[in-house]
C-alpha cells in the first residue's frame, strides 16, 4: 500500500508578483525560505514557510490565464490555514483592507471558519483550532 507522509507543498501562480509576495509575507506573515528569478522562464519562484511545517511555492509567469473561483469550478477549491483565534486573525487581515466573509460554524465539525481571497481571487480559509 502507498504510504503518504504529509503534504509537501502547495504551488500558487500569481498575476502580480509584488502584490502577491506582499500579501503572503506581510499580511499572512509567511517566512521566505528562498526567492529565485528564473530568467529562461521570466518567472519568480518564492518558497514560503508555514509554521515551520509546510511550504507554499509562489510563482509568477507572464500573462497566466485566469482560473475561475466563483462560481465554484472543478479543481483545487481553496487553501485553508488553521489559526488559534479566528477573531484575532480576521481583525489582523482586515487592518490591511481585506474583505472577509462572516465567521460561520461548520455543521459537521463545530469549528468556526471564514473565507477571504488573495490578490488573484484564490479563496483562502481560516479555520479555528
Foldseek 3Di string as FASTA:
>chain_A
DDDDDDDAEAEEEDADVVQLVCCVCPQVNWAWPDWDQDVVQRKIWTWTDDPNPYIYIYMYGHPDDADDQPPNDDDDNAAEDEDADVVVSVVSNVVVVWDKDDWDADPPPRWIKIWTAGPRRGIYMYTHD
